[in-house]
Amino acid sequence: MVRNVTLENFWNPNVPLYPSGFVELQTYGTPVYFKNIYIREIK
């Protein structure tokens, strides 16, 4: 679990991240399968 970490633009550090948009799921080289993922806005 990662908390209170400033997100950085991995592909282009000179450009800030967008306030909304795509969600990326990350793995570290091992096979991972994702299923039944639901995303909702937290108000």
Protein backbone atom coordinates (compact mmCIF):
# COMPACT_ATOMS: atom_id res chain seq x y z
CA MET A 1 0.00 0.00 0.00
CA VAL A 2 1.21 3.46 -0.89
CA ARG A 3 -0.13 6.55 0.84
CA ASN A 4 0.66 10.26 0.67
CA VAL A 5 3.02 9.99 -2.29
CA THR A 6 3.20 12.75 -4.88
CA LEU A 7 2.42 11.32 -8.30
CA GLU A 8 4.91 12.12 -11.03
CA ASN A 9 4.62 12.02 -14.79
CA PHE A 10 6.67 8.89 -15.56
CA TRP A 11 6.77 9.45 -19.33
CA ASN A 12 7.59 13.16 -19.36
CA PRO A 13 8.76 14.68 -16.06
CA ASN A 14 8.58 18.19 -17.57
CA VAL A 15 4.79 17.96 -17.99
CA PRO A 16 2.46 17.91 -14.95
CA LEU A 17 -0.09 15.16 -14.49
CA TYR A 18 -3.66 15.73 -15.55
CA PRO A 19 -6.19 16.28 -12.73
CA SER A 20 -8.42 13.57 -14.27
CA GLY A 21 -8.16 10.94 -16.95
CA PHE A 22 -6.75 7.46 -17.27
CA VAL A 23 -6.16 5.03 -14.42
CA GLU A 24 -3.11 2.78 -14.67
CA LEU A 25 -2.53 -0.49 -12.86
CA GLN A 26 1.09 -1.25 -12.08
CA THR A 27 3.06 -4.46 -11.67
CA TYR A 28 6.73 -5.22 -11.19
CA GLY A 29 7.49 -7.89 -13.78
CA THR A 30 5.37 -10.78 -12.52
CA PRO A 31 2.21 -11.94 -14.31
CA VAL A 32 -0.84 -10.17 -12.88
CA TYR A 33 -4.49 -10.45 -13.91
CA PHE A 34 -7.13 -7.85 -13.10
CA LYS A 35 -10.82 -8.68 -13.03
CA ASN A 36 -14.01 -6.88 -12.03
CA ILE A 37 -12.48 -3.47 -11.38
CA TYR A 38 -14.93 -0.70 -10.49
CA ILE A 39 -13.99 2.95 -10.12
CA ARG A 40 -16.09 5.58 -8.42
CA GLU A 41 -15.51 9.19 -7.47
CA ILE A 42 -14.83 9.86 -3.79
CA LYS A 43 -16.48 13.11 -2.75
